[in-house]
Amino acid sequence: MWATDAAEPATVRDGKVWLFGVAEHWNAELLGWHVSKRGTRFEALQAVGMAVRQQFGHLFAGMARGPNTHGPAQPPAIAPKRANSLLF
């Protein structure tokens, strides 16, 4: 099971930036990360893409269909609708 999270650390050179991470729950391994000036969902998906490529060796359209993509505030019934929004 993977988890995603974001933080907004301050840097000396660039000011505040967004750090997105994808972690494996069972061993806390960081599978993907992305740093950007903007904190959008598109930037967050860059970390997910890195994790998918690191685990499966490639990333192509449609490969995110099927995984459970619901968050803590969303019931599993909404998951299929969100999975379709994760197409790359």
PDB file of N, CA and C in Angstrom:
ATOM      1  N   MET A   1       0.843  -1.159   0.000  1.00  0.00           N
ATOM      2  CA  MET A   1       0.000   0.000   0.000  1.00  0.00           C
ATOM      3  C   MET A   1       0.894   1.229   0.000  1.00  0.00           C
ATOM      4  N   TRP A   2       0.596   2.142  -0.866  1.00  0.00           N
ATOM      5  CA  TRP A   2       1.366   3.386  -0.963  1.00  0.00           C
ATOM      6  C   TRP A   2       0.605   4.536  -0.328  1.00  0.00           C
ATOM      7  N   ALA A   3       1.347   5.496   0.153  1.00  0.00           N
ATOM      8  CA  ALA A   3       0.760   6.729   0.675  1.00  0.00           C
ATOM      9  C   ALA A   3       1.458   7.903   0.018  1.00  0.00           C
ATOM     10  N   THR A   4       0.729   8.978  -0.188  1.00  0.00           N
ATOM     11  CA  THR A   4       1.320  10.198  -0.721  1.00  0.00           C
ATOM     12  C   THR A   4       1.167  11.308   0.311  1.00  0.00           C
ATOM     13  N   ASP A   5       2.104  12.230   0.286  1.00  0.00           N
ATOM     14  CA  ASP A   5       2.037  13.365   1.194  1.00  0.00           C
ATOM     15  C   ASP A   5       2.777  14.533   0.561  1.00  0.00           C
ATOM     16  N   ALA A   6       2.517  15.709   1.089  1.00  0.00           N
ATOM     17  CA  ALA A   6       3.158  16.922   0.593  1.00  0.00           C
ATOM     18  C   ALA A   6       3.610  17.764   1.773  1.00  0.00           C
ATOM     19  N   ALA A   7       4.670  18.494   1.562  1.00  0.00           N
ATOM     20  CA  ALA A   7       5.180  19.438   2.566  1.00  0.00           C
ATOM     21  C   ALA A   7       5.628  20.687   1.824  1.00  0.00           C
ATOM     22  N   GLU A   8       5.663  21.806   2.536  1.00  0.00           N
ATOM     23  CA  GLU A   8       6.093  23.064   1.932  1.00  0.00           C
ATOM     24  C   GLU A   8       7.276  23.629   2.730  1.00  0.00           C
ATOM     25  N   PRO A   9       8.463  23.059   2.530  1.00  0.00           N
ATOM     26  CA  PRO A   9       9.631  23.553   3.258  1.00  0.00           C
ATOM     27  C   PRO A   9      10.160  24.857   2.657  1.00  0.00           C
ATOM     28  N   ALA A  10      10.838  25.622   3.470  1.00  0.00           N
ATOM     29  CA  ALA A  10      11.476  26.864   3.009  1.00  0.00           C
ATOM     30  C   ALA A  10      12.941  26.569   2.699  1.00  0.00           C
ATOM     31  N   THR A  11      13.428  27.129   1.592  1.00  0.00           N
ATOM     32  CA  THR A  11      14.836  26.990   1.234  1.00  0.00           C
ATOM     33  C   THR A  11      15.477  28.372   1.211  1.00  0.00           C
ATOM     34  N   VAL A  12      16.781  28.401   1.348  1.00  0.00           N
ATOM     35  CA  VAL A  12      17.505  29.674   1.348  1.00  0.00           C
ATOM     36  C   VAL A  12      17.472  30.304  -0.039  1.00  0.00           C
ATOM     37  N   ARG A  13      17.713  29.495  -1.058  1.00  0.00           N
ATOM     38  CA  ARG A  13      17.821  30.026  -2.410  1.00  0.00           C
ATOM     39  C   ARG A  13      16.475  30.258  -3.096  1.00  0.00           C
ATOM     40  N   ASP A  14      15.535  29.320  -2.957  1.00  0.00           N
ATOM     41  CA  ASP A  14      14.300  29.379  -3.724  1.00  0.00           C
ATOM     42  C   ASP A  14      13.064  29.786  -2.919  1.00  0.00           C
ATOM     43  N   GLY A  15      13.205  30.031  -1.648  1.00  0.00           N
ATOM     44  CA  GLY A  15      12.036  30.341  -0.826  1.00  0.00           C
ATOM     45  C   GLY A  15      11.235  29.079  -0.568  1.00  0.00           C
ATOM     46  N   LYS A  16       9.920  29.218  -0.463  1.00  0.00           N
ATOM     47  CA  LYS A  16       9.082  28.046  -0.223  1.00  0.00           C
ATOM     48  C   LYS A  16       8.908  27.239  -1.498  1.00  0.00           C
ATOM     49  N   VAL A  17       9.031  25.929  -1.357  1.00  0.00           N
ATOM     50  CA  VAL A  17       8.820  24.993  -2.457  1.00  0.00           C
ATOM     51  C   VAL A  17       7.894  23.887  -1.959  1.00  0.00           C
ATOM     52  N   TRP A  18       7.355  23.127  -2.877  1.00  0.00           N
ATOM     53  CA  TRP A  18       6.517  21.987  -2.527  1.00  0.00           C
ATOM     54  C   TRP A  18       7.309  20.709  -2.721  1.00  0.00           C
ATOM     55  N   LEU A  19       7.254  19.835  -1.735  1.00  0.00           N
ATOM     56  CA  LEU A  19       7.893  18.520  -1.791  1.00  0.00           C
ATOM     57  C   LEU A  19       6.793  17.474  -1.712  1.00  0.00           C
ATOM     58  N   PHE A  20       6.667  16.671  -2.762  1.00  0.00           N
ATOM     59  CA  PHE A  20       5.679  15.598  -2.810  1.00  0.00           C
ATOM     60  C   PHE A  20       6.411  14.270  -2.689  1.00  0.00           C
ATOM     61  N   GLY A  21       5.870  13.360  -1.920  1.00  0.00           N
ATOM     62  CA  GLY A  21       6.494  12.054  -1.744  1.00  0.00           C
ATOM     63  C   GLY A  21       5.483  10.931  -1.817  1.00  0.00           C
ATOM     64  N   VAL A  22       5.962   9.768  -2.251  1.00  0.00           N
ATOM     65  CA  VAL A  22       5.167   8.539  -2.269  1.00  0.00           C
ATOM     66  C   VAL A  22       5.950   7.515  -1.465  1.00  0.00           C
ATOM     67  N   ALA A  23       5.322   6.970  -0.428  1.00  0.00           N
ATOM     68  CA  ALA A  23       6.000   6.026   0.460  1.00  0.00           C
ATOM     69  C   ALA A  23       5.282   4.686   0.477  1.00  0.00           C
ATOM     70  N   GLU A  24       6.064   3.637   0.613  1.00  0.00           N
ATOM     71  CA  GLU A  24       5.530   2.284   0.812  1.00  0.00           C
ATOM     72  C   GLU A  24       5.236   2.126   2.297  1.00  0.00           C
ATOM     73  N   HIS A  25       4.030   1.662   2.639  1.00  0.00           N
ATOM     74  CA  HIS A  25       3.644   1.581   4.046  1.00  0.00           C
ATOM     75  C   HIS A  25       4.422   0.535   4.834  1.00  0.00           C
ATOM     76  N   TRP A  26       4.683  -0.626   4.268  1.00  0.00           N
ATOM     77  CA  TRP A  26       5.232  -1.705   5.077  1.00  0.00           C
ATOM     78  C   TRP A  26       6.694  -1.506   5.474  1.00  0.00           C
ATOM     79  N   ASN A  27       7.456  -0.709   4.723  1.00  0.00           N
ATOM     80  CA  ASN A  27       8.855  -0.485   5.117  1.00  0.00           C
ATOM     81  C   ASN A  27       9.253   0.992   5.103  1.00  0.00           C
ATOM     82  N   ALA A  28       8.311   1.879   4.867  1.00  0.00           N
ATOM     83  CA  ALA A  28       8.534   3.337   4.857  1.00  0.00           C
ATOM     84  C   ALA A  28       9.547   3.773   3.801  1.00  0.00           C
ATOM     85  N   GLU A  29       9.725   2.975   2.759  1.00  0.00           N
ATOM     86  CA  GLU A  29      10.633   3.324   1.662  1.00  0.00           C
ATOM     87  C   GLU A  29      10.016   4.439   0.822  1.00  0.00           C
ATOM     88  N   LEU A  30      10.817   5.444   0.498  1.00  0.00           N
ATOM     89  CA  LEU A  30      10.361   6.523  -0.367  1.00  0.00           C
ATOM     90  C   LEU A  30      10.514   6.056  -1.811  1.00  0.00           C
ATOM     91  N   LEU A  31       9.396   5.866  -2.491  1.00  0.00           N
ATOM     92  CA  LEU A  31       9.401   5.317  -3.845  1.00  0.00           C
ATOM     93  C   LEU A  31       9.484   6.391  -4.921  1.00  0.00           C
ATOM     94  N   GLY A  32       8.957   7.567  -4.632  1.00  0.00           N
ATOM     95  CA  GLY A  32       8.973   8.647  -5.605  1.00  0.00           C
ATOM     96  C   GLY A  32       8.899   9.984  -4.901  1.00  0.00           C
ATOM     97  N   TRP A  33       9.456  11.002  -5.530  1.00  0.00           N
ATOM     98  CA  TRP A  33       9.426  12.358  -4.962  1.00  0.00           C
ATOM     99  C   TRP A  33       9.485  13.367  -6.087  1.00  0.00           C
ATOM    100  N   HIS A  34       9.005  14.559  -5.788  1.00  0.00           N
ATOM    101  CA  HIS A  34       9.035  15.645  -6.766  1.00  0.00           C
ATOM    102  C   HIS A  34       9.040  16.964  -6.000  1.00  0.00           C
ATOM    103  N   VAL A  35       9.865  17.889  -6.428  1.00  0.00           N
ATOM    104  CA  VAL A  35       9.953  19.216  -5.813  1.00  0.00           C
ATOM    105  C   VAL A  35       9.574  20.242  -6.873  1.00  0.00           C
ATOM    106  N   SER A  36       8.697  21.179  -6.501  1.00  0.00           N
ATOM    107  CA  SER A  36       8.279  22.213  -7.444  1.00  0.00           C
ATOM    108  C   SER A  36       7.895  23.485  -6.701  1.00  0.00           C
ATOM    109  N   LYS A  37       7.796  24.569  -7.450  1.00  0.00           N
ATOM    110  CA  LYS A  37       7.352  25.839  -6.876  1.00  0.00           C
ATOM    111  C   LYS A  37       5.834  25.876  -6.739  1.00  0.00           C
ATOM    112  N   ARG A  38       5.134  25.107  -7.556  1.00  0.00           N
ATOM    113  CA  ARG A  38       3.668  25.083  -7.509  1.00  0.00           C
ATOM    114  C   ARG A  38       3.202  23.801  -6.830  1.00  0.00           C
ATOM    115  N   GLY A  39       2.168  23.906  -6.038  1.00  0.00           N
ATOM    116  CA  GLY A  39       1.646  22.746  -5.329  1.00  0.00           C
ATOM    117  C   GLY A  39       0.345  22.240  -5.915  1.00  0.00           C
ATOM    118  N   THR A  40       0.353  21.886  -7.191  1.00  0.00           N
ATOM    119  CA  THR A  40      -0.871  21.434  -7.859  1.00  0.00           C
ATOM    120  C   THR A  40      -0.945  19.914  -7.890  1.00  0.00           C
ATOM    121  N   ARG A  41      -2.115  19.401  -8.236  1.00  0.00           N
ATOM    122  CA  ARG A  41      -2.269  17.949  -8.331  1.00  0.00           C
ATOM    123  C   ARG A  41      -1.407  17.375  -9.450  1.00  0.00           C
ATOM    124  N   PHE A  42      -1.153  18.177 -10.473  1.00  0.00           N
ATOM    125  CA  PHE A  42      -0.317  17.711 -11.576  1.00  0.00           C
ATOM    126  C   PHE A  42       1.128  17.527 -11.113  1.00  0.00           C
ATOM    127  N   GLU A  43       1.587  18.423 -10.274  1.00  0.00           N
ATOM    128  CA  GLU A  43       2.937  18.287  -9.716  1.00  0.00           C
ATOM    129  C   GLU A  43       3.002  17.083  -8.783  1.00  0.00           C
ATOM    130  N   ALA A  44       1.941  16.866  -8.007  1.00  0.00           N
ATOM    131  CA  ALA A  44       1.899  15.722  -7.096  1.00  0.00           C
ATOM    132  C   ALA A  44       1.960  14.406  -7.863  1.00  0.00           C
ATOM    133  N   LEU A  45       1.321  14.349  -9.030  1.00  0.00           N
ATOM    134  CA  LEU A  45       1.329  13.123  -9.822  1.00  0.00           C
ATOM    135  C   LEU A  45       2.704  12.797 -10.389  1.00  0.00           C
ATOM    136  N   GLN A  46       3.595  13.778 -10.446  1.00  0.00           N
ATOM    137  CA  GLN A  46       4.957  13.495 -10.894  1.00  0.00           C
ATOM    138  C   GLN A  46       5.639  12.518  -9.940  1.00  0.00           C
ATOM    139  N   ALA A  47       5.383  12.675  -8.638  1.00  0.00           N
ATOM    140  CA  ALA A  47       5.953  11.753  -7.645  1.00  0.00           C
ATOM    141  C   ALA A  47       5.362  10.357  -7.808  1.00  0.00           C
ATOM    142  N   VAL A  48       4.059  10.289  -8.095  1.00  0.00           N
ATOM    143  CA  VAL A  48       3.414   8.992  -8.314  1.00  0.00           C
ATOM    144  C   VAL A  48       3.984   8.332  -9.563  1.00  0.00           C
ATOM    145  N   GLY A  49       4.173   9.115 -10.615  1.00  0.00           N
ATOM    146  CA  GLY A  49       4.772   8.573 -11.838  1.00  0.00           C
ATOM    147  C   GLY A  49       6.165   8.022 -11.600  1.00  0.00           C
ATOM    148  N   MET A  50       6.967   8.730 -10.802  1.00  0.00           N
ATOM    149  CA  MET A  50       8.311   8.252 -10.483  1.00  0.00           C
ATOM    150  C   MET A  50       8.233   6.922  -9.726  1.00  0.00           C
ATOM    151  N   ALA A  51       7.297   6.817  -8.785  1.00  0.00           N
ATOM    152  CA  ALA A  51       7.153   5.587  -8.010  1.00  0.00           C
ATOM    153  C   ALA A  51       6.724   4.419  -8.903  1.00  0.00           C
ATOM    154  N   VAL A  52       5.798   4.675  -9.815  1.00  0.00           N
ATOM    155  CA  VAL A  52       5.339   3.620 -10.725  1.00  0.00           C
ATOM    156  C   VAL A  52       6.490   3.150 -11.612  1.00  0.00           C
ATOM    157  N   ARG A  53       7.244   4.094 -12.171  1.00  0.00           N
ATOM    158  CA  ARG A  53       8.389   3.711 -13.017  1.00  0.00           C
ATOM    159  C   ARG A  53       9.439   2.953 -12.214  1.00  0.00           C
ATOM    160  N   GLN A  54       9.666   3.364 -10.978  1.00  0.00           N
ATOM    161  CA  GLN A  54      10.675   2.705 -10.136  1.00  0.00           C
ATOM    162  C   GLN A  54      10.251   1.274  -9.799  1.00  0.00           C
ATOM    163  N   GLN A  55       8.968   1.047  -9.572  1.00  0.00           N
ATOM    164  CA  GLN A  55       8.477  -0.274  -9.188  1.00  0.00           C
ATOM    165  C   GLN A  55       8.215  -1.194 -10.370  1.00  0.00           C
ATOM    166  N   PHE A  56       7.716  -0.637 -11.476  1.00  0.00           N
ATOM    167  CA  PHE A  56       7.288  -1.467 -12.597  1.00  0.00           C
ATOM    168  C   PHE A  56       8.118  -1.285 -13.860  1.00  0.00           C
ATOM    169  N   GLY A  57       9.032  -0.323 -13.866  1.00  0.00           N
ATOM    170  CA  GLY A  57       9.934  -0.163 -14.987  1.00  0.00           C
ATOM    171  C   GLY A  57       9.418   0.692 -16.131  1.00  0.00           C
ATOM    172  N   HIS A  58       8.157   1.029 -16.132  1.00  0.00           N
ATOM    173  CA  HIS A  58       7.603   1.831 -17.224  1.00  0.00           C
ATOM    174  C   HIS A  58       6.317   2.501 -16.751  1.00  0.00           C
ATOM    175  N   LEU A  59       5.872   3.445 -17.534  1.00  0.00           N
ATOM    176  CA  LEU A  59       4.638   4.170 -17.238  1.00  0.00           C
ATOM    177  C   LEU A  59       3.929   4.421 -18.556  1.00  0.00           C
ATOM    178  N   PHE A  60       2.698   3.959 -18.664  1.00  0.00           N
ATOM    179  CA  PHE A  60       1.940   4.188 -19.887  1.00  0.00           C
ATOM    180  C   PHE A  60       0.475   4.432 -19.549  1.00  0.00           C
ATOM    181  N   ALA A  61      -0.265   4.985 -20.491  1.00  0.00           N
ATOM    182  CA  ALA A  61      -1.669   5.342 -20.282  1.00  0.00           C
ATOM    183  C   ALA A  61      -2.474   4.121 -19.871  1.00  0.00           C
ATOM    184  N   GLY A  62      -3.289   4.284 -18.845  1.00  0.00           N
ATOM    185  CA  GLY A  62      -4.180   3.226 -18.417  1.00  0.00           C
ATOM    186  C   GLY A  62      -3.633   2.300 -17.353  1.00  0.00           C
ATOM    187  N   MET A  63      -2.356   2.379 -17.048  1.00  0.00           N
ATOM    188  CA  MET A  63      -1.819   1.422 -16.084  1.00  0.00           C
ATOM    189  C   MET A  63      -2.241   1.728 -14.653  1.00  0.00           C
ATOM    190  N   ALA A  64      -2.791   2.900 -14.380  1.00  0.00           N
ATOM    191  CA  ALA A  64      -3.264   3.226 -13.034  1.00  0.00           C
ATOM    192  C   ALA A  64      -4.709   2.794 -12.816  1.00  0.00           C
ATOM    193  N   ARG A  65      -5.335   2.198 -13.806  1.00  0.00           N
ATOM    194  CA  ARG A  65      -6.706   1.726 -13.624  1.00  0.00           C
ATOM    195  C   ARG A  65      -6.686   0.473 -12.767  1.00  0.00           C
ATOM    196  N   GLY A  66      -7.614   0.428 -11.848  1.00  0.00           N
ATOM    197  CA  GLY A  66      -7.720  -0.760 -11.019  1.00  0.00           C
ATOM    198  C   GLY A  66      -7.260  -0.584  -9.591  1.00  0.00           C
ATOM    199  N   PRO A  67      -6.166   0.146  -9.310  1.00  0.00           N
ATOM    200  CA  PRO A  67      -5.763   0.289  -7.913  1.00  0.00           C
ATOM    201  C   PRO A  67      -6.807   1.085  -7.125  1.00  0.00           C
ATOM    202  N   ASN A  68      -6.852   0.811  -5.849  1.00  0.00           N
ATOM    203  CA  ASN A  68      -7.752   1.540  -4.974  1.00  0.00           C
ATOM    204  C   ASN A  68      -7.157   2.911  -4.713  1.00  0.00           C
ATOM    205  N   THR A  69      -7.836   3.951  -5.162  1.00  0.00           N
ATOM    206  CA  THR A  69      -7.279   5.298  -5.062  1.00  0.00           C
ATOM    207  C   THR A  69      -8.109   6.205  -4.171  1.00  0.00           C
ATOM    208  N   HIS A  70      -8.821   5.639  -3.198  1.00  0.00           N
ATOM    209  CA  HIS A  70      -9.610   6.516  -2.339  1.00  0.00           C
ATOM    210  C   HIS A  70      -8.764   7.047  -1.190  1.00  0.00           C
ATOM    211  N   GLY A  71      -9.116   8.223  -0.759  1.00  0.00           N
ATOM    212  CA  GLY A  71      -8.410   8.853   0.350  1.00  0.00           C
ATOM    213  C   GLY A  71      -9.178   8.658   1.639  1.00  0.00           C
ATOM    214  N   PRO A  72      -8.649   9.174   2.738  1.00  0.00           N
ATOM    215  CA  PRO A  72      -9.286   8.956   4.029  1.00  0.00           C
ATOM    216  C   PRO A  72     -10.668   9.602   4.143  1.00  0.00           C
ATOM    217  N   ALA A  73     -10.918  10.657   3.393  1.00  0.00           N
ATOM    218  CA  ALA A  73     -12.207  11.345   3.484  1.00  0.00           C
ATOM    219  C   ALA A  73     -13.173  10.904   2.394  1.00  0.00           C
ATOM    220  N   GLN A  74     -12.777   9.922   1.586  1.00  0.00           N
ATOM    221  CA  GLN A  74     -13.621   9.494   0.478  1.00  0.00           C
ATOM    222  C   GLN A  74     -13.895   8.000   0.581  1.00  0.00           C
ATOM    223  N   PRO A  75     -15.154   7.608   0.536  1.00  0.00           N
ATOM    224  CA  PRO A  75     -15.480   6.177   0.613  1.00  0.00           C
ATOM    225  C   PRO A  75     -15.006   5.433  -0.631  1.00  0.00           C
ATOM    226  N   PRO A  76     -14.793   4.111  -0.516  1.00  0.00           N
ATOM    227  CA  PRO A  76     -14.330   3.326  -1.672  1.00  0.00           C
ATOM    228  C   PRO A  76     -15.239   3.402  -2.883  1.00  0.00           C
ATOM    229  N   ALA A  77     -16.513   3.734  -2.714  1.00  0.00           N
ATOM    230  CA  ALA A  77     -17.423   3.822  -3.864  1.00  0.00           C
ATOM    231  C   ALA A  77     -17.008   4.915  -4.840  1.00  0.00           C
ATOM    232  N   ILE A  78     -16.270   5.915  -4.384  1.00  0.00           N
ATOM    233  CA  ILE A  78     -15.824   7.017  -5.237  1.00  0.00           C
ATOM    234  C   ILE A  78     -14.530   6.647  -5.968  1.00  0.00           C
ATOM    235  N   ALA A  79     -13.832   5.615  -5.504  1.00  0.00           N
ATOM    236  CA  ALA A  79     -12.524   5.250  -6.058  1.00  0.00           C
ATOM    237  C   ALA A  79     -12.511   5.073  -7.572  1.00  0.00           C
ATOM    238  N   PRO A  80     -13.485   4.373  -8.211  1.00  0.00           N
ATOM    239  CA  PRO A  80     -13.413   4.228  -9.673  1.00  0.00           C
ATOM    240  C   PRO A  80     -13.442   5.562 -10.407  1.00  0.00           C
ATOM    241  N   LYS A  81     -14.181   6.532  -9.912  1.00  0.00           N
ATOM    242  CA  LYS A  81     -14.235   7.835 -10.544  1.00  0.00           C
ATOM    243  C   LYS A  81     -12.880   8.533 -10.447  1.00  0.00           C
ATOM    244  N   ARG A  82     -12.203   8.412  -9.312  1.00  0.00           N
ATOM    245  CA  ARG A  82     -10.894   9.028  -9.143  1.00  0.00           C
ATOM    246  C   ARG A  82      -9.831   8.295  -9.951  1.00  0.00           C
ATOM    247  N   ALA A  83      -9.936   6.981 -10.076  1.00  0.00           N
ATOM    248  CA  ALA A  83      -8.941   6.225 -10.835  1.00  0.00           C
ATOM    249  C   ALA A  83      -8.904   6.698 -12.288  1.00  0.00           C
ATOM    250  N   ASN A  84     -10.067   7.013 -12.846  1.00  0.00           N
ATOM    251  CA  ASN A  84     -10.107   7.491 -14.230  1.00  0.00           C
ATOM    252  C   ASN A  84      -9.481   8.871 -14.372  1.00  0.00           C
ATOM    253  N   SER A  85      -9.401   9.640 -13.290  1.00  0.00           N
ATOM    254  CA  SER A  85      -8.786  10.974 -13.368  1.00  0.00           C
ATOM    255  C   SER A  85      -7.273  10.897 -13.282  1.00  0.00           C
ATOM    256  N   LEU A  86      -6.716   9.704 -13.019  1.00  0.00           N
ATOM    257  CA  LEU A  86      -5.261   9.571 -12.881  1.00  0.00           C
ATOM    258  C   LEU A  86      -4.575   9.135 -14.166  1.00  0.00           C
ATOM    259  N   LEU A  87      -5.273   9.212 -15.282  1.00  0.00           N
ATOM    260  CA  LEU A  87      -4.656   8.818 -16.551  1.00  0.00           C
ATOM    261  C   LEU A  87      -3.540   9.769 -16.919  1.00  0.00           C
ATOM    262  N   PHE A  88      -2.437   9.241 -17.362  1.00  0.00           N
ATOM    263  CA  PHE A  88      -1.280  10.050 -17.717  1.00  0.00           C
ATOM    264  C   PHE A  88      -1.273  10.331 -19.198  1.00  0.00           C
TER     265      PHE A  88
END
